[in-house]
N, C-alpha and C. Protein backbone atom coordinates (compact mmCIF):
# COMPACT_ATOMS: atom_id res chain seq x y z
N UNK A 1 14.69 -18.82 -5.46
CA UNK A 1 15.83 -17.95 -5.60
C UNK A 1 15.46 -16.57 -5.07
N UNK A 2 16.27 -16.03 -4.20
CA UNK A 2 16.00 -14.74 -3.59
C UNK A 2 16.45 -13.61 -4.50
N UNK A 3 15.62 -12.58 -4.59
CA UNK A 3 15.92 -11.45 -5.47
C UNK A 3 16.78 -10.44 -4.73
N UNK A 4 17.84 -9.99 -5.38
CA UNK A 4 18.66 -8.93 -4.83
C UNK A 4 17.94 -7.61 -5.04
N UNK A 5 18.10 -6.72 -4.09
CA UNK A 5 17.47 -5.40 -4.20
C UNK A 5 17.94 -4.69 -5.45
N UNK A 6 19.20 -4.84 -5.80
CA UNK A 6 19.75 -4.15 -6.95
C UNK A 6 19.21 -4.67 -8.27
N UNK A 7 18.68 -5.88 -8.31
CA UNK A 7 18.21 -6.44 -9.57
C UNK A 7 16.76 -6.11 -9.86
N UNK A 8 16.06 -5.47 -8.92
CA UNK A 8 14.66 -5.13 -9.16
C UNK A 8 14.61 -3.88 -10.02
N UNK A 9 14.02 -4.02 -11.18
CA UNK A 9 13.89 -2.90 -12.10
C UNK A 9 12.75 -2.01 -11.65
N UNK A 10 12.84 -0.73 -11.98
CA UNK A 10 11.78 0.20 -11.62
C UNK A 10 10.45 -0.26 -12.18
N UNK A 11 10.41 -0.76 -13.40
CA UNK A 11 9.17 -1.23 -13.99
C UNK A 11 8.56 -2.40 -13.25
N UNK A 12 9.36 -3.14 -12.53
CA UNK A 12 8.83 -4.28 -11.80
C UNK A 12 8.42 -3.91 -10.38
N UNK A 13 8.65 -2.67 -9.96
CA UNK A 13 8.27 -2.24 -8.62
C UNK A 13 6.74 -2.17 -8.51
N UNK A 14 6.09 -1.57 -9.49
CA UNK A 14 4.64 -1.39 -9.44
C UNK A 14 3.90 -2.71 -9.23
N UNK A 15 4.17 -3.75 -10.02
CA UNK A 15 3.43 -5.00 -9.79
C UNK A 15 3.71 -5.58 -8.40
N UNK A 16 4.94 -5.44 -7.93
CA UNK A 16 5.26 -5.96 -6.60
C UNK A 16 4.50 -5.20 -5.53
N UNK A 17 4.42 -3.88 -5.65
CA UNK A 17 3.69 -3.09 -4.67
C UNK A 17 2.19 -3.34 -4.77
N UNK A 18 1.71 -3.67 -5.95
CA UNK A 18 0.29 -3.96 -6.13
C UNK A 18 -0.11 -5.21 -5.35
N UNK A 19 0.83 -6.10 -5.13
CA UNK A 19 0.55 -7.33 -4.38
C UNK A 19 0.40 -7.05 -2.89
N UNK A 20 0.95 -5.94 -2.43
CA UNK A 20 0.93 -5.63 -1.00
C UNK A 20 -0.38 -4.94 -0.63
N UNK A 21 -0.82 -5.21 0.59
CA UNK A 21 -1.98 -4.49 1.11
C UNK A 21 -1.53 -3.10 1.53
N UNK A 22 -2.49 -2.21 1.76
CA UNK A 22 -2.15 -0.86 2.20
C UNK A 22 -1.39 -0.91 3.52
N UNK A 23 -1.82 -1.78 4.41
CA UNK A 23 -1.16 -1.90 5.70
C UNK A 23 0.28 -2.41 5.54
N UNK A 24 0.50 -3.31 4.60
CA UNK A 24 1.86 -3.80 4.35
C UNK A 24 2.75 -2.70 3.79
N UNK A 25 2.19 -1.84 2.93
CA UNK A 25 2.98 -0.71 2.40
C UNK A 25 3.29 0.28 3.51
N UNK A 26 2.32 0.53 4.37
CA UNK A 26 2.57 1.43 5.51
C UNK A 26 3.63 0.82 6.42
N UNK A 27 3.56 -0.48 6.61
CA UNK A 27 4.56 -1.19 7.40
C UNK A 27 5.96 -0.93 6.84
N UNK A 28 6.10 -1.06 5.52
CA UNK A 28 7.40 -0.83 4.88
C UNK A 28 7.87 0.61 5.08
N UNK A 29 6.96 1.56 5.00
CA UNK A 29 7.33 2.96 5.22
C UNK A 29 7.86 3.16 6.64
N UNK A 30 7.22 2.53 7.61
CA UNK A 30 7.68 2.63 8.99
C UNK A 30 9.03 1.94 9.16
N UNK A 31 9.19 0.81 8.51
CA UNK A 31 10.45 0.07 8.56
C UNK A 31 11.58 0.90 7.96
N UNK A 32 11.28 1.62 6.89
CA UNK A 32 12.28 2.47 6.24
C UNK A 32 12.73 3.60 7.15
N UNK A 33 11.86 4.01 8.07
CA UNK A 33 12.20 5.08 9.01
C UNK A 33 12.85 4.55 10.28
N UNK A 34 13.31 3.30 10.23
CA UNK A 34 14.04 2.67 11.33
C UNK A 34 13.25 2.55 12.63
N UNK A 35 11.93 2.40 12.52
CA UNK A 35 11.15 2.15 13.72
C UNK A 35 11.41 0.72 14.19
N UNK A 36 11.41 0.54 15.49
CA UNK A 36 11.59 -0.80 16.05
C UNK A 36 10.29 -1.59 15.87
N UNK A 37 10.37 -2.89 16.11
CA UNK A 37 9.17 -3.72 16.02
C UNK A 37 8.10 -3.22 16.98
N UNK A 38 8.52 -2.82 18.18
CA UNK A 38 7.57 -2.30 19.17
C UNK A 38 6.90 -1.02 18.71
N UNK A 39 7.68 -0.14 18.10
CA UNK A 39 7.13 1.12 17.60
C UNK A 39 6.17 0.88 16.43
N UNK A 40 6.54 -0.06 15.55
CA UNK A 40 5.66 -0.41 14.43
C UNK A 40 4.36 -1.02 14.97
N UNK A 41 4.48 -1.90 15.95
CA UNK A 41 3.30 -2.52 16.55
C UNK A 41 2.37 -1.45 17.14
N UNK A 42 2.96 -0.48 17.83
CA UNK A 42 2.15 0.59 18.43
C UNK A 42 1.50 1.45 17.35
N UNK A 43 2.25 1.82 16.34
CA UNK A 43 1.73 2.68 15.26
C UNK A 43 0.58 2.02 14.51
N UNK A 44 0.70 0.71 14.26
CA UNK A 44 -0.32 0.00 13.48
C UNK A 44 -1.33 -0.75 14.34
N UNK A 45 -1.21 -0.59 15.68
CA UNK A 45 -2.11 -1.28 16.62
C UNK A 45 -2.05 -2.79 16.43
N UNK A 46 -0.83 -3.32 16.40
CA UNK A 46 -0.59 -4.75 16.22
C UNK A 46 0.15 -5.31 17.41
N UNK A 47 0.16 -6.63 17.53
CA UNK A 47 1.01 -7.29 18.51
C UNK A 47 2.39 -7.47 17.89
N UNK A 48 3.38 -7.74 18.73
CA UNK A 48 4.73 -7.99 18.20
C UNK A 48 4.74 -9.22 17.29
N UNK A 49 3.94 -10.22 17.61
CA UNK A 49 3.86 -11.42 16.77
C UNK A 49 3.31 -11.05 15.39
N UNK A 50 2.32 -10.15 15.35
CA UNK A 50 1.77 -9.72 14.06
C UNK A 50 2.80 -8.96 13.24
N UNK A 51 3.64 -8.19 13.91
CA UNK A 51 4.71 -7.47 13.20
C UNK A 51 5.65 -8.48 12.55
N UNK A 52 5.99 -9.52 13.27
CA UNK A 52 6.85 -10.58 12.70
C UNK A 52 6.15 -11.24 11.51
N UNK A 53 4.86 -11.48 11.65
CA UNK A 53 4.10 -12.10 10.55
C UNK A 53 4.08 -11.19 9.32
N UNK A 54 3.91 -9.89 9.55
CA UNK A 54 3.93 -8.94 8.44
C UNK A 54 5.27 -9.00 7.72
N UNK A 55 6.36 -9.00 8.48
CA UNK A 55 7.69 -9.06 7.84
C UNK A 55 7.81 -10.30 6.98
N UNK A 56 7.33 -11.41 7.48
CA UNK A 56 7.42 -12.66 6.72
C UNK A 56 6.56 -12.60 5.46
N UNK A 57 5.30 -12.13 5.60
CA UNK A 57 4.40 -12.07 4.44
C UNK A 57 4.93 -11.11 3.38
N UNK A 58 5.41 -9.95 3.80
CA UNK A 58 5.94 -8.97 2.85
C UNK A 58 7.19 -9.54 2.18
N UNK A 59 8.04 -10.16 2.97
CA UNK A 59 9.25 -10.78 2.43
C UNK A 59 8.93 -11.83 1.39
N UNK A 60 7.90 -12.63 1.66
CA UNK A 60 7.49 -13.66 0.69
C UNK A 60 6.98 -13.01 -0.60
N UNK A 61 6.18 -11.96 -0.47
CA UNK A 61 5.63 -11.29 -1.65
C UNK A 61 6.71 -10.60 -2.48
N UNK A 62 7.71 -10.04 -1.81
CA UNK A 62 8.78 -9.34 -2.52
C UNK A 62 9.98 -10.23 -2.79
N UNK A 63 9.89 -11.48 -2.34
CA UNK A 63 10.97 -12.43 -2.51
C UNK A 63 12.25 -11.94 -1.84
N UNK A 64 12.10 -11.43 -0.62
CA UNK A 64 13.24 -10.95 0.18
C UNK A 64 13.08 -11.50 1.59
N UNK A 65 14.18 -11.80 2.19
CA UNK A 65 14.16 -12.30 3.57
C UNK A 65 14.94 -11.36 4.46
N UNK A 66 14.37 -11.06 5.60
CA UNK A 66 15.07 -10.28 6.61
C UNK A 66 14.67 -8.82 6.66
N UNK A 67 14.66 -8.32 7.86
CA UNK A 67 14.29 -6.94 8.13
C UNK A 67 15.18 -5.95 7.39
N UNK A 68 16.49 -6.20 7.38
CA UNK A 68 17.43 -5.28 6.73
C UNK A 68 17.15 -5.13 5.24
N UNK A 69 16.91 -6.24 4.56
CA UNK A 69 16.63 -6.17 3.12
C UNK A 69 15.33 -5.45 2.84
N UNK A 70 14.31 -5.72 3.66
CA UNK A 70 13.03 -5.03 3.47
C UNK A 70 13.18 -3.53 3.72
N UNK A 71 13.93 -3.18 4.75
CA UNK A 71 14.14 -1.76 5.05
C UNK A 71 14.92 -1.07 3.94
N UNK A 72 15.93 -1.73 3.40
CA UNK A 72 16.69 -1.14 2.28
C UNK A 72 15.81 -0.97 1.05
N UNK A 73 14.98 -1.96 0.78
CA UNK A 73 14.04 -1.86 -0.34
C UNK A 73 13.13 -0.65 -0.14
N UNK A 74 12.58 -0.52 1.06
CA UNK A 74 11.66 0.58 1.34
C UNK A 74 12.37 1.93 1.25
N UNK A 75 13.62 2.00 1.71
CA UNK A 75 14.38 3.26 1.61
C UNK A 75 14.72 3.59 0.16
N UNK A 76 14.88 2.57 -0.65
CA UNK A 76 15.23 2.79 -2.04
C UNK A 76 14.02 3.22 -2.87
N UNK A 77 12.82 2.89 -2.42
CA UNK A 77 11.60 3.17 -3.19
C UNK A 77 10.55 3.92 -2.37
N UNK A 78 10.94 4.97 -1.65
CA UNK A 78 9.95 5.66 -0.82
C UNK A 78 8.87 6.36 -1.64
N UNK A 79 9.23 6.88 -2.80
CA UNK A 79 8.25 7.60 -3.62
C UNK A 79 7.15 6.65 -4.07
N UNK A 80 7.54 5.47 -4.54
CA UNK A 80 6.55 4.49 -4.98
C UNK A 80 5.65 4.05 -3.82
N UNK A 81 6.26 3.82 -2.65
CA UNK A 81 5.48 3.40 -1.49
C UNK A 81 4.51 4.50 -1.06
N UNK A 82 4.98 5.73 -1.01
CA UNK A 82 4.11 6.85 -0.64
C UNK A 82 2.99 7.00 -1.66
N UNK A 83 3.33 6.86 -2.94
CA UNK A 83 2.33 6.98 -4.00
C UNK A 83 1.23 5.95 -3.81
N UNK A 84 1.62 4.70 -3.62
CA UNK A 84 0.63 3.64 -3.45
C UNK A 84 -0.17 3.84 -2.18
N UNK A 85 0.51 4.22 -1.09
CA UNK A 85 -0.18 4.42 0.18
C UNK A 85 -1.18 5.57 0.05
N UNK A 86 -0.75 6.66 -0.57
CA UNK A 86 -1.61 7.83 -0.74
C UNK A 86 -2.82 7.50 -1.61
N UNK A 87 -2.60 6.70 -2.65
CA UNK A 87 -3.70 6.29 -3.53
C UNK A 87 -4.76 5.50 -2.77
N UNK A 88 -4.32 4.67 -1.85
CA UNK A 88 -5.27 3.84 -1.11
C UNK A 88 -5.98 4.64 -0.02
N UNK A 89 -5.25 5.55 0.64
CA UNK A 89 -5.84 6.33 1.72
C UNK A 89 -6.74 7.43 1.16
N UNK A 90 -6.30 8.09 0.09
CA UNK A 90 -7.05 9.18 -0.53
C UNK A 90 -7.27 8.89 -2.00
N UNK A 91 -8.17 7.96 -2.33
CA UNK A 91 -8.38 7.66 -3.76
C UNK A 91 -8.93 8.89 -4.48
N UNK A 92 -8.63 9.01 -5.77
CA UNK A 92 -9.16 10.15 -6.52
C UNK A 92 -10.68 10.10 -6.52
N UNK A 93 -11.33 11.26 -6.49
CA UNK A 93 -12.79 11.27 -6.47
C UNK A 93 -13.36 10.67 -7.75
N UNK A 94 -14.46 9.96 -7.60
CA UNK A 94 -15.12 9.36 -8.75
C UNK A 94 -15.92 10.43 -9.45
N UNK A 95 -15.83 10.44 -10.76
CA UNK A 95 -16.64 11.38 -11.54
C UNK A 95 -18.05 10.82 -11.61
N UNK A 96 -18.99 11.70 -11.38
CA UNK A 96 -20.38 11.24 -11.51
C UNK A 96 -21.12 12.20 -12.42
N UNK A 97 -22.05 11.65 -13.12
CA UNK A 97 -22.89 12.44 -13.99
C UNK A 97 -24.09 12.87 -13.15
N UNK A 98 -24.07 14.11 -12.66
CA UNK A 98 -25.12 14.55 -11.74
C UNK A 98 -26.49 14.51 -12.38
N UNK A 99 -26.58 14.71 -13.67
CA UNK A 99 -27.87 14.64 -14.34
C UNK A 99 -28.44 13.23 -14.25
N UNK A 100 -27.61 12.24 -14.53
CA UNK A 100 -28.06 10.85 -14.42
C UNK A 100 -28.35 10.48 -12.98
N UNK A 101 -27.54 10.99 -12.04
CA UNK A 101 -27.76 10.71 -10.63
C UNK A 101 -29.11 11.27 -10.18
N UNK A 102 -29.42 12.49 -10.63
CA UNK A 102 -30.69 13.11 -10.26
C UNK A 102 -31.86 12.33 -10.85
N UNK A 103 -31.73 11.87 -12.08
CA UNK A 103 -32.80 11.10 -12.71
C UNK A 103 -32.99 9.76 -12.01
N UNK A 104 -31.89 9.15 -11.59
CA UNK A 104 -32.00 7.87 -10.90
C UNK A 104 -32.67 8.06 -9.55
N UNK A 105 -32.38 9.18 -8.88
CA UNK A 105 -32.98 9.44 -7.57
C UNK A 105 -34.45 9.83 -7.70
N UNK A 106 -34.82 10.49 -8.79
CA UNK A 106 -36.18 10.95 -8.98
C UNK A 106 -36.60 10.71 -10.44
N UNK A 107 -36.97 9.50 -10.78
CA UNK A 107 -37.25 9.15 -12.18
C UNK A 107 -38.41 9.93 -12.79
N UNK A 108 -39.36 10.40 -11.97
CA UNK A 108 -40.52 11.15 -12.49
C UNK A 108 -40.12 12.54 -13.01
N UNK A 109 -38.99 13.10 -12.51
CA UNK A 109 -38.60 14.45 -12.90
C UNK A 109 -38.18 14.49 -14.37
N UNK A 110 -37.79 13.39 -14.95
CA UNK A 110 -37.37 13.37 -16.37
C UNK A 110 -38.57 13.60 -17.28
N UNK A 111 -39.76 13.26 -16.82
CA UNK A 111 -40.96 13.40 -17.64
C UNK A 111 -41.63 14.76 -17.46
N UNK A 112 -41.12 15.60 -16.57
CA UNK A 112 -41.74 16.90 -16.27
C UNK A 112 -41.45 17.95 -17.33
N UNK A 113 -40.62 17.73 -18.29
CA UNK A 113 -40.26 18.76 -19.27
C UNK A 113 -41.25 18.92 -20.35
């Protein structure tokens, strides 16, 4: 059964986007901006056949068929797509305990006190 764009709840957007790869989310962002298949292929360094494959894979994951439905979905949820894309491209910095890092790098320095 195909899901209507209108029946997707905001709470169910996150799990659906989590299933997509970063490249698939970027693909949707480009699709939302009305880029042609050729323009998407050029932007993502793909062949036209790969663009078609992406549309099919994304459609299967989101339970939607067709370029128009995918583009409407992407236009309806640009903030979520940008959020996910930004998280993948620029992940938050990992907190590190510099004291432990220094001890791991130089274990003898811990005994110098």
